[in-house]
Amino acid sequence: MNRENIEKTLLKQIAFFSILILIVLLLGVLYYHFVEGLPFVDAFFFTAITISTVGYTMPENLSEAGRLFTSFLIF
């Protein structure tokens, strides 16, 4: 494989995984906002700390379904 092909492949992989991360982020924000009732900023913050594995405190009013969704989001 020549250098140009390697660069194209790498750029395609970076683009693919960037889009995948954005989709996960968007799904998390939408879930926490519309299902759990968190404001958008809080939904974004909670999604970001969950998928980045930083961790923090869970919202106090998170439902059982929300806890399951968060567990899915972590994996």
N, C-alpha and C. Protein backbone atom coordinates (compact mmCIF):
# COMPACT_ATOMS: atom_id res chain seq x y z
N MET A 1 0.85 -1.17 0.00
CA MET A 1 0.00 0.00 0.00
C MET A 1 0.90 1.24 0.00
N ASN A 2 0.61 2.18 -0.86
CA ASN A 2 1.44 3.37 -0.89
C ASN A 2 0.95 4.41 0.12
N ARG A 3 1.72 5.43 0.30
CA ARG A 3 1.44 6.45 1.32
C ARG A 3 0.10 7.14 1.07
N GLU A 4 -0.21 7.42 -0.19
CA GLU A 4 -1.46 8.10 -0.51
C GLU A 4 -2.67 7.26 -0.12
N ASN A 5 -2.64 5.97 -0.37
CA ASN A 5 -3.74 5.08 0.01
C ASN A 5 -3.88 4.99 1.52
N ILE A 6 -2.77 4.95 2.21
CA ILE A 6 -2.80 4.89 3.67
C ILE A 6 -3.43 6.15 4.23
N GLU A 7 -3.06 7.31 3.69
CA GLU A 7 -3.62 8.58 4.15
C GLU A 7 -5.12 8.65 3.89
N LYS A 8 -5.55 8.21 2.70
CA LYS A 8 -6.98 8.21 2.38
C LYS A 8 -7.75 7.29 3.33
N THR A 9 -7.20 6.11 3.57
CA THR A 9 -7.84 5.16 4.48
C THR A 9 -7.94 5.73 5.89
N LEU A 10 -6.87 6.35 6.34
CA LEU A 10 -6.86 6.95 7.68
C LEU A 10 -7.88 8.07 7.79
N LEU A 11 -7.95 8.92 6.79
CA LEU A 11 -8.93 10.01 6.80
C LEU A 11 -10.36 9.48 6.79
N LYS A 12 -10.61 8.43 6.03
CA LYS A 12 -11.94 7.82 6.02
C LYS A 12 -12.30 7.25 7.38
N GLN A 13 -11.35 6.61 8.04
CA GLN A 13 -11.59 6.05 9.37
C GLN A 13 -11.83 7.15 10.39
N ILE A 14 -11.06 8.22 10.33
CA ILE A 14 -11.26 9.34 11.24
C ILE A 14 -12.64 9.95 11.03
N ALA A 15 -13.03 10.15 9.79
CA ALA A 15 -14.35 10.71 9.49
C ALA A 15 -15.46 9.78 9.99
N PHE A 16 -15.32 8.49 9.74
CA PHE A 16 -16.33 7.53 10.17
C PHE A 16 -16.52 7.55 11.69
N PHE A 17 -15.41 7.48 12.42
CA PHE A 17 -15.52 7.43 13.87
C PHE A 17 -15.94 8.77 14.46
N SER A 18 -15.60 9.86 13.82
CA SER A 18 -16.07 11.18 14.26
C SER A 18 -17.59 11.28 14.12
N ILE A 19 -18.09 10.81 12.99
CA ILE A 19 -19.54 10.82 12.78
C ILE A 19 -20.23 9.89 13.78
N LEU A 20 -19.64 8.75 14.03
CA LEU A 20 -20.21 7.81 14.99
C LEU A 20 -20.28 8.43 16.39
N ILE A 21 -19.24 9.11 16.80
CA ILE A 21 -19.23 9.77 18.11
C ILE A 21 -20.30 10.87 18.16
N LEU A 22 -20.43 11.63 17.08
CA LEU A 22 -21.46 12.68 17.04
C LEU A 22 -22.87 12.09 17.12
N ILE A 23 -23.08 10.95 16.48
CA ILE A 23 -24.39 10.30 16.54
C ILE A 23 -24.69 9.85 17.96
N VAL A 24 -23.72 9.24 18.62
CA VAL A 24 -23.91 8.80 20.01
C VAL A 24 -24.19 10.01 20.90
N LEU A 25 -23.44 11.09 20.71
CA LEU A 25 -23.64 12.31 21.49
C LEU A 25 -25.04 12.87 21.26
N LEU A 26 -25.46 12.93 20.01
CA LEU A 26 -26.79 13.44 19.68
C LEU A 26 -27.89 12.58 20.28
N LEU A 27 -27.77 11.26 20.16
CA LEU A 27 -28.78 10.36 20.73
C LEU A 27 -28.86 10.52 22.25
N GLY A 28 -27.70 10.64 22.89
CA GLY A 28 -27.69 10.83 24.33
C GLY A 28 -28.37 12.12 24.74
N VAL A 29 -28.03 13.21 24.07
CA VAL A 29 -28.63 14.51 24.40
C VAL A 29 -30.14 14.48 24.19
N LEU A 30 -30.56 13.93 23.06
CA LEU A 30 -32.01 13.86 22.79
C LEU A 30 -32.74 13.01 23.81
N TYR A 31 -32.15 11.88 24.19
CA TYR A 31 -32.80 11.02 25.18
C TYR A 31 -32.94 11.75 26.51
N TYR A 32 -31.84 12.27 27.01
CA TYR A 32 -31.88 12.91 28.33
C TYR A 32 -32.77 14.15 28.34
N HIS A 33 -32.86 14.83 27.21
CA HIS A 33 -33.72 16.02 27.17
C HIS A 33 -35.20 15.64 27.07
N PHE A 34 -35.54 14.81 26.09
CA PHE A 34 -36.95 14.54 25.83
C PHE A 34 -37.55 13.47 26.73
N VAL A 35 -36.79 12.48 27.12
CA VAL A 35 -37.35 11.41 27.95
C VAL A 35 -37.16 11.71 29.44
N GLU A 36 -35.96 12.17 29.82
CA GLU A 36 -35.68 12.41 31.23
C GLU A 36 -35.98 13.85 31.67
N GLY A 37 -36.24 14.72 30.70
CA GLY A 37 -36.63 16.09 31.03
C GLY A 37 -35.49 17.00 31.46
N LEU A 38 -34.25 16.66 31.15
CA LEU A 38 -33.13 17.53 31.49
C LEU A 38 -33.05 18.68 30.49
N PRO A 39 -32.64 19.86 30.92
CA PRO A 39 -32.40 20.94 29.95
C PRO A 39 -31.30 20.52 28.98
N PHE A 40 -31.26 21.12 27.79
CA PHE A 40 -30.29 20.72 26.76
C PHE A 40 -28.86 20.78 27.25
N VAL A 41 -28.51 21.84 27.97
CA VAL A 41 -27.12 21.97 28.45
C VAL A 41 -26.78 20.84 29.42
N ASP A 42 -27.70 20.53 30.33
CA ASP A 42 -27.47 19.43 31.27
C ASP A 42 -27.43 18.09 30.54
N ALA A 43 -28.30 17.93 29.54
CA ALA A 43 -28.31 16.68 28.75
C ALA A 43 -26.99 16.51 28.01
N PHE A 44 -26.49 17.59 27.43
CA PHE A 44 -25.20 17.54 26.74
C PHE A 44 -24.08 17.22 27.73
N PHE A 45 -24.06 17.91 28.86
CA PHE A 45 -23.03 17.71 29.86
C PHE A 45 -23.02 16.27 30.36
N PHE A 46 -24.18 15.74 30.70
CA PHE A 46 -24.26 14.39 31.23
C PHE A 46 -23.85 13.37 30.17
N THR A 47 -24.24 13.58 28.92
CA THR A 47 -23.83 12.69 27.84
C THR A 47 -22.32 12.75 27.64
N ALA A 48 -21.77 13.95 27.64
CA ALA A 48 -20.33 14.12 27.43
C ALA A 48 -19.52 13.45 28.53
N ILE A 49 -19.93 13.62 29.79
CA ILE A 49 -19.15 13.01 30.86
C ILE A 49 -19.34 11.49 30.89
N THR A 50 -20.46 11.02 30.38
CA THR A 50 -20.69 9.58 30.34
C THR A 50 -19.85 8.92 29.26
N ILE A 51 -19.89 9.45 28.03
CA ILE A 51 -19.17 8.78 26.95
C ILE A 51 -17.67 9.01 27.02
N SER A 52 -17.25 10.03 27.74
CA SER A 52 -15.81 10.26 27.89
C SER A 52 -15.25 9.50 29.09
N THR A 53 -16.11 8.84 29.83
CA THR A 53 -15.79 8.06 31.03
C THR A 53 -15.21 8.91 32.15
N VAL A 54 -15.45 10.21 32.13
CA VAL A 54 -15.01 11.07 33.22
C VAL A 54 -15.82 10.77 34.47
N GLY A 55 -17.12 10.66 34.28
CA GLY A 55 -18.00 10.39 35.40
C GLY A 55 -18.23 11.63 36.23
N TYR A 56 -19.30 11.65 36.94
CA TYR A 56 -19.69 12.75 37.80
C TYR A 56 -20.90 12.25 38.55
N THR A 57 -21.68 13.12 39.07
CA THR A 57 -22.88 12.65 39.76
C THR A 57 -24.03 12.51 38.77
N MET A 58 -24.89 11.52 39.04
CA MET A 58 -26.06 11.33 38.20
C MET A 58 -27.12 12.34 38.59
N PRO A 59 -27.93 12.76 37.62
CA PRO A 59 -29.07 13.61 37.98
C PRO A 59 -29.95 12.88 38.99
N GLU A 60 -30.42 13.59 39.97
CA GLU A 60 -31.19 12.96 41.06
C GLU A 60 -32.48 12.32 40.60
N ASN A 61 -33.10 12.89 39.58
CA ASN A 61 -34.41 12.40 39.15
C ASN A 61 -34.33 11.45 37.95
N LEU A 62 -33.20 10.80 37.75
CA LEU A 62 -33.04 9.89 36.62
C LEU A 62 -33.86 8.63 36.86
N SER A 63 -34.70 8.29 35.89
CA SER A 63 -35.58 7.13 36.03
C SER A 63 -34.79 5.84 35.89
N GLU A 64 -35.49 4.73 36.12
CA GLU A 64 -34.86 3.41 35.94
C GLU A 64 -34.47 3.21 34.48
N ALA A 65 -35.36 3.64 33.57
CA ALA A 65 -35.04 3.56 32.14
C ALA A 65 -33.83 4.43 31.82
N GLY A 66 -33.74 5.58 32.46
CA GLY A 66 -32.61 6.47 32.26
C GLY A 66 -31.31 5.85 32.73
N ARG A 67 -31.37 5.11 33.83
CA ARG A 67 -30.18 4.43 34.33
C ARG A 67 -29.75 3.32 33.36
N LEU A 68 -30.72 2.62 32.80
CA LEU A 68 -30.40 1.58 31.81
C LEU A 68 -29.83 2.21 30.54
N PHE A 69 -30.42 3.31 30.10
CA PHE A 69 -29.91 4.00 28.92
C PHE A 69 -28.47 4.47 29.17
N THR A 70 -28.22 5.01 30.35
CA THR A 70 -26.87 5.47 30.69
C THR A 70 -25.90 4.31 30.66
N SER A 71 -26.31 3.16 31.17
CA SER A 71 -25.44 1.98 31.13
C SER A 71 -25.15 1.58 29.69
N PHE A 72 -26.16 1.62 28.84
CA PHE A 72 -25.96 1.31 27.42
C PHE A 72 -25.01 2.32 26.78
N LEU A 73 -25.20 3.59 27.11
CA LEU A 73 -24.36 4.65 26.56
C LEU A 73 -22.90 4.46 26.96
N ILE A 74 -22.66 4.00 28.16
CA ILE A 74 -21.30 3.76 28.63
C ILE A 74 -20.64 2.68 27.80
N PHE A 75 -21.37 1.61 27.51
CA PHE A 75 -20.78 0.50 26.73
C PHE A 75 -20.64 0.90 25.30
